[in-house]
C-alpha atoms as a PDB file:
ATOM      1  CA  MET A   1       7.201  39.539  36.883  1.00  0.00           C
ATOM      2  CA  LEU A   2       7.312  35.773  36.436  1.00  0.00           C
ATOM      3  CA  ALA A   3       7.890  33.590  39.492  1.00  0.00           C
ATOM      4  CA  TYR A   4       8.324  29.837  39.860  1.00  0.00           C
ATOM      5  CA  THR A   5       5.571  29.219  42.412  1.00  0.00           C
ATOM      6  CA  TYR A   6       4.805  26.296  44.747  1.00  0.00           C
ATOM      7  CA  VAL A   7       1.239  25.090  44.098  1.00  0.00           C
ATOM      8  CA  SER A   8       1.094  21.742  45.923  1.00  0.00           C
ATOM      9  CA  GLN A   9       3.417  18.879  46.847  1.00  0.00           C
ATOM     10  CA  GLY A  10       5.576  18.213  43.779  1.00  0.00           C
ATOM     11  CA  ASN A  11       3.693  20.827  41.722  1.00  0.00           C
ATOM     12  CA  PHE A  12       5.265  24.154  40.769  1.00  0.00           C
ATOM     13  CA  GLN A  13       4.117  26.607  38.106  1.00  0.00           C
ATOM     14  CA  LEU A  14       5.534  29.691  36.433  1.00  0.00           C
ATOM     15  CA  THR A  15       3.035  32.420  37.334  1.00  0.00           C
ATOM     16  CA  GLU A  16       2.745  36.190  36.993  1.00  0.00           C
ATOM     17  CA  LYS A  17       3.339  37.917  40.358  1.00  0.00           C
ATOM     18  CA  PRO A  18       3.624  41.591  41.358  1.00  0.00           C
ATOM     19  CA  LYS A  19       7.178  42.929  41.648  1.00  0.00           C
ATOM     20  CA  PRO A  20       8.247  42.680  45.325  1.00  0.00           C
ATOM     21  CA  GLU A  21       8.660  45.887  47.290  1.00  0.00           C
ATOM     22  CA  LEU A  22      10.427  46.637  50.549  1.00  0.00           C
ATOM     23  CA  ALA A  23       7.868  47.873  53.103  1.00  0.00           C
ATOM     24  CA  ASP A  24      10.103  48.034  56.184  1.00  0.00           C
ATOM     25  CA  ALA A  25      13.779  48.699  56.910  1.00  0.00           C
ATOM     26  CA  LYS A  26      14.137  45.068  58.098  1.00  0.00           C
ATOM     27  CA  ASP A  27      12.672  43.574  54.885  1.00  0.00           C
ATOM     28  CA  ALA A  28      14.800  41.773  52.303  1.00  0.00           C
ATOM     29  CA  ILE A  29      14.234  40.471  48.785  1.00  0.00           C
ATOM     30  CA  VAL A  30      15.971  37.116  48.296  1.00  0.00           C
ATOM     31  CA  ARG A  31      16.632  35.310  45.024  1.00  0.00           C
ATOM     32  CA  VAL A  32      16.849  31.529  45.307  1.00  0.00           C
ATOM     33  CA  THR A  33      18.501  29.514  42.558  1.00  0.00           C
ATOM     34  CA  LEU A  34      18.634  25.742  42.345  1.00  0.00           C
ATOM     35  CA  LYS A  35      21.037  23.576  40.434  1.00  0.00           C
ATOM     36  CA  GLY A  36      20.914  19.809  40.355  1.00  0.00           C
ATOM     37  CA  LYS A  37      23.522  17.285  39.330  1.00  0.00           C
ATOM     38  CA  GLN A  38      25.153  18.316  36.039  1.00  0.00           C
ATOM     39  CA  GLY A  39      22.890  21.375  35.869  1.00  0.00           C
ATOM     40  CA  LYS A  40      19.660  19.328  35.885  1.00  0.00           C
ATOM     41  CA  LEU A  41      16.891  19.546  38.483  1.00  0.00           C
END
């Protein structure tokens, strides 16, 4: 799957990552979405 990934300060890249899996009953998969002013980041 594609993930927007933190590389370094101010540097993010769209990279291929393995699909997340739940390994424990206390695990959670969280989707984070960002929206800036008027839909711009």
